[in-house]
Amino acid sequence: MPVVRRGKGKKQILHFTIDCTQPCNDNILDVVSFETFLSQKIKVAGKAGNLGESIKVTRDKTLLHVQAQAPFSKRYLKYLTKKYLKKQQLRDWLRVISSDKKTYQLKYFNIHDAGEEEGDEESQD
């Protein structure tokens, strides 16, 4: 059998977005510090802050864009976002939701709706 050799093909580049519009409009979240947090904490080859050419974190007003070469997980971005929210003591008010296949959104918990449900249950008794 002949040996099949494959040339080096293009590496697949993944694009992810984190939408911080709601908390930024309320001046709760600072996108610049979030961007620096991600660039310092993302691990490449087991080392944090070693982004090199494989990962790029950019900011566009209230959106963060992450471009990474193929072995990179969207779930890892969610983990780091939750870690940042916990560090800033915002985890009790904000949650990370996947709005589509390549985007996460930071949204507020619906605390007001939960309070109305409890009040309705008490009045029915």
C-alpha atoms as a PDB file:
ATOM      1  CA  MET A   1       0.000   0.000   0.000  1.00  0.00           C
ATOM      2  CA  PRO A   2       1.310   3.439  -0.836  1.00  0.00           C
ATOM      3  CA  VAL A   3       1.786   5.908   1.962  1.00  0.00           C
ATOM      4  CA  VAL A   4      -0.618   8.819   1.717  1.00  0.00           C
ATOM      5  CA  ARG A   5       0.895  12.097   2.798  1.00  0.00           C
ATOM      6  CA  ARG A   6      -1.225  15.033   3.559  1.00  0.00           C
ATOM      7  CA  GLY A   7       0.135  18.529   3.338  1.00  0.00           C
ATOM      8  CA  LYS A   8      -0.380  20.965   6.117  1.00  0.00           C
ATOM      9  CA  GLY A   9      -3.792  22.473   5.582  1.00  0.00           C
ATOM     10  CA  LYS A  10      -5.160  25.676   6.983  1.00  0.00           C
ATOM     11  CA  LYS A  11      -5.898  25.589  10.663  1.00  0.00           C
ATOM     12  CA  GLN A  12      -9.513  26.168  11.497  1.00  0.00           C
ATOM     13  CA  ILE A  13     -10.092  29.503  13.220  1.00  0.00           C
ATOM     14  CA  LEU A  14     -13.049  29.764  15.577  1.00  0.00           C
ATOM     15  CA  HIS A  15     -14.805  33.062  16.302  1.00  0.00           C
ATOM     16  CA  PHE A  16     -16.699  33.633  19.555  1.00  0.00           C
ATOM     17  CA  THR A  17     -18.445  36.730  20.907  1.00  0.00           C
ATOM     18  CA  ILE A  18     -19.370  37.773  24.434  1.00  0.00           C
ATOM     19  CA  ASP A  19     -22.100  40.430  24.490  1.00  0.00           C
ATOM     20  CA  CYS A  20     -21.832  42.650  27.583  1.00  0.00           C
ATOM     21  CA  THR A  21     -24.312  45.317  26.412  1.00  0.00           C
ATOM     22  CA  GLN A  22     -26.821  45.269  29.295  1.00  0.00           C
ATOM     23  CA  PRO A  23     -24.361  45.480  32.223  1.00  0.00           C
ATOM     24  CA  CYS A  24     -22.162  48.009  30.386  1.00  0.00           C
ATOM     25  CA  ASN A  25     -25.103  50.324  29.725  1.00  0.00           C
ATOM     26  CA  ASP A  26     -25.797  50.315  33.475  1.00  0.00           C
ATOM     27  CA  ASN A  27     -22.087  50.929  34.272  1.00  0.00           C
ATOM     28  CA  ILE A  28     -21.866  47.705  36.266  1.00  0.00           C
ATOM     29  CA  LEU A  29     -19.272  45.921  34.140  1.00  0.00           C
ATOM     30  CA  ASP A  30     -16.022  47.316  32.731  1.00  0.00           C
ATOM     31  CA  VAL A  31     -15.291  45.719  29.358  1.00  0.00           C
ATOM     32  CA  VAL A  32     -11.639  46.830  29.362  1.00  0.00           C
ATOM     33  CA  SER A  33     -10.887  44.981  32.600  1.00  0.00           C
ATOM     34  CA  PHE A  34     -12.843  41.953  31.348  1.00  0.00           C
ATOM     35  CA  GLU A  35     -10.741  41.922  28.171  1.00  0.00           C
ATOM     36  CA  THR A  36      -7.477  42.028  30.143  1.00  0.00           C
ATOM     37  CA  PHE A  37      -8.794  39.302  32.483  1.00  0.00           C
ATOM     38  CA  LEU A  38      -9.488  37.005  29.523  1.00  0.00           C
ATOM     39  CA  SER A  39      -6.134  37.666  27.886  1.00  0.00           C
ATOM     40  CA  GLN A  40      -4.337  36.912  31.170  1.00  0.00           C
ATOM     41  CA  LYS A  41      -6.350  33.815  32.136  1.00  0.00           C
ATOM     42  CA  ILE A  42      -6.841  31.932  28.847  1.00  0.00           C
ATOM     43  CA  LYS A  43      -4.512  28.945  28.868  1.00  0.00           C
ATOM     44  CA  VAL A  44      -2.599  27.813  25.806  1.00  0.00           C
ATOM     45  CA  ALA A  45      -0.497  24.662  26.132  1.00  0.00           C
ATOM     46  CA  GLY A  46      -1.129  24.633  29.887  1.00  0.00           C
ATOM     47  CA  LYS A  47       0.157  28.158  30.547  1.00  0.00           C
ATOM     48  CA  ALA A  48      -2.051  31.131  31.353  1.00  0.00           C
ATOM     49  CA  GLY A  49      -1.418  34.358  29.474  1.00  0.00           C
ATOM     50  CA  ASN A  50       0.504  32.559  26.720  1.00  0.00           C
ATOM     51  CA  LEU A  51      -1.811  33.582  23.851  1.00  0.00           C
ATOM     52  CA  GLY A  52       0.767  34.089  21.113  1.00  0.00           C
ATOM     53  CA  GLU A  53      -0.610  33.805  17.595  1.00  0.00           C
ATOM     54  CA  SER A  54      -3.205  31.152  18.396  1.00  0.00           C
ATOM     55  CA  ILE A  55      -5.727  33.317  20.302  1.00  0.00           C
ATOM     56  CA  LYS A  56      -6.729  36.959  19.906  1.00  0.00           C
ATOM     57  CA  VAL A  57      -9.055  38.864  22.244  1.00  0.00           C
ATOM     58  CA  THR A  58     -10.456  42.116  20.837  1.00  0.00           C
ATOM     59  CA  ARG A  59     -13.035  44.619  22.050  1.00  0.00           C
ATOM     60  CA  ASP A  60     -15.701  46.509  20.107  1.00  0.00           C
ATOM     61  CA  LYS A  61     -17.543  48.897  22.465  1.00  0.00           C
ATOM     62  CA  THR A  62     -19.548  46.413  24.562  1.00  0.00           C
ATOM     63  CA  LEU A  63     -18.681  43.244  22.640  1.00  0.00           C
ATOM     64  CA  LEU A  64     -15.669  41.007  23.180  1.00  0.00           C
ATOM     65  CA  HIS A  65     -14.477  38.944  20.230  1.00  0.00           C
ATOM     66  CA  VAL A  66     -12.262  35.894  20.684  1.00  0.00           C
ATOM     67  CA  GLN A  67     -10.531  34.313  17.698  1.00  0.00           C
ATOM     68  CA  ALA A  68      -8.867  31.001  18.400  1.00  0.00           C
ATOM     69  CA  GLN A  69      -7.339  28.123  16.508  1.00  0.00           C
ATOM     70  CA  ALA A  70      -9.270  24.873  16.443  1.00  0.00           C
ATOM     71  CA  PRO A  71      -8.837  23.091  19.776  1.00  0.00           C
ATOM     72  CA  PHE A  72     -10.692  25.766  21.772  1.00  0.00           C
ATOM     73  CA  SER A  73     -13.978  25.364  23.606  1.00  0.00           C
ATOM     74  CA  LYS A  74     -16.831  27.857  23.828  1.00  0.00           C
ATOM     75  CA  ARG A  75     -17.601  26.337  27.213  1.00  0.00           C
ATOM     76  CA  TYR A  76     -14.141  27.458  28.418  1.00  0.00           C
ATOM     77  CA  LEU A  77     -15.153  31.060  27.677  1.00  0.00           C
ATOM     78  CA  LYS A  78     -18.291  30.592  29.752  1.00  0.00           C
ATOM     79  CA  TYR A  79     -16.192  29.225  32.614  1.00  0.00           C
ATOM     80  CA  LEU A  80     -13.823  32.201  32.495  1.00  0.00           C
ATOM     81  CA  THR A  81     -16.729  34.667  32.256  1.00  0.00           C
ATOM     82  CA  LYS A  82     -18.318  33.168  35.365  1.00  0.00           C
ATOM     83  CA  LYS A  83     -14.957  33.320  37.118  1.00  0.00           C
ATOM     84  CA  TYR A  84     -14.642  37.030  36.263  1.00  0.00           C
ATOM     85  CA  LEU A  85     -18.187  37.751  37.472  1.00  0.00           C
ATOM     86  CA  LYS A  86     -17.439  35.976  40.750  1.00  0.00           C
ATOM     87  CA  LYS A  87     -14.230  37.965  41.184  1.00  0.00           C
ATOM     88  CA  GLN A  88     -16.115  41.240  40.606  1.00  0.00           C
ATOM     89  CA  GLN A  89     -18.948  40.070  42.937  1.00  0.00           C
ATOM     90  CA  LEU A  90     -21.482  40.274  40.096  1.00  0.00           C
ATOM     91  CA  ARG A  91     -22.303  36.574  39.908  1.00  0.00           C
ATOM     92  CA  ASP A  92     -25.463  37.027  42.038  1.00  0.00           C
ATOM     93  CA  TRP A  93     -26.997  39.467  39.518  1.00  0.00           C
ATOM     94  CA  LEU A  94     -25.679  38.420  36.107  1.00  0.00           C
ATOM     95  CA  ARG A  95     -25.808  35.141  34.243  1.00  0.00           C
ATOM     96  CA  VAL A  96     -24.161  33.889  31.073  1.00  0.00           C
ATOM     97  CA  ILE A  97     -26.572  32.742  28.368  1.00  0.00           C
ATOM     98  CA  SER A  98     -25.816  31.282  24.970  1.00  0.00           C
ATOM     99  CA  SER A  99     -27.814  33.324  22.453  1.00  0.00           C
ATOM    100  CA  ASP A 100     -26.573  31.391  19.420  1.00  0.00           C
ATOM    101  CA  LYS A 101     -23.891  28.917  18.399  1.00  0.00           C
ATOM    102  CA  LYS A 102     -20.998  31.380  18.677  1.00  0.00           C
ATOM    103  CA  THR A 103     -22.266  34.025  21.122  1.00  0.00           C
ATOM    104  CA  TYR A 104     -22.708  34.392  24.864  1.00  0.00           C
ATOM    105  CA  GLN A 105     -24.761  37.169  26.441  1.00  0.00           C
ATOM    106  CA  LEU A 106     -24.593  38.592  29.937  1.00  0.00           C
ATOM    107  CA  LYS A 107     -28.110  39.111  31.272  1.00  0.00           C
ATOM    108  CA  TYR A 108     -29.676  39.957  34.591  1.00  0.00           C
ATOM    109  CA  PHE A 109     -31.509  37.352  36.653  1.00  0.00           C
ATOM    110  CA  ASN A 110     -35.286  37.893  36.655  1.00  0.00           C
ATOM    111  CA  ILE A 111     -35.570  38.504  40.403  1.00  0.00           C
ATOM    112  CA  HIS A 112     -38.676  40.659  40.003  1.00  0.00           C
ATOM    113  CA  ASP A 113     -40.663  37.829  38.342  1.00  0.00           C
ATOM    114  CA  ALA A 114     -39.717  35.361  41.086  1.00  0.00           C
ATOM    115  CA  GLY A 115     -40.965  37.770  43.758  1.00  0.00           C
ATOM    116  CA  GLU A 116     -44.370  38.085  42.057  1.00  0.00           C
ATOM    117  CA  GLU A 117     -44.788  34.308  41.933  1.00  0.00           C
ATOM    118  CA  GLU A 118     -44.164  33.998  45.672  1.00  0.00           C
ATOM    119  CA  GLY A 119     -46.670  36.762  46.385  1.00  0.00           C
ATOM    120  CA  ASP A 120     -49.326  35.050  44.229  1.00  0.00           C
ATOM    121  CA  GLU A 121     -48.919  31.772  46.103  1.00  0.00           C
ATOM    122  CA  GLU A 122     -49.454  33.465  49.473  1.00  0.00           C
ATOM    123  CA  SER A 123     -52.631  35.255  48.352  1.00  0.00           C
ATOM    124  CA  GLN A 124     -54.199  32.017  47.028  1.00  0.00           C
ATOM    125  CA  ASP A 125     -54.058  30.233  50.421  1.00  0.00           C
END
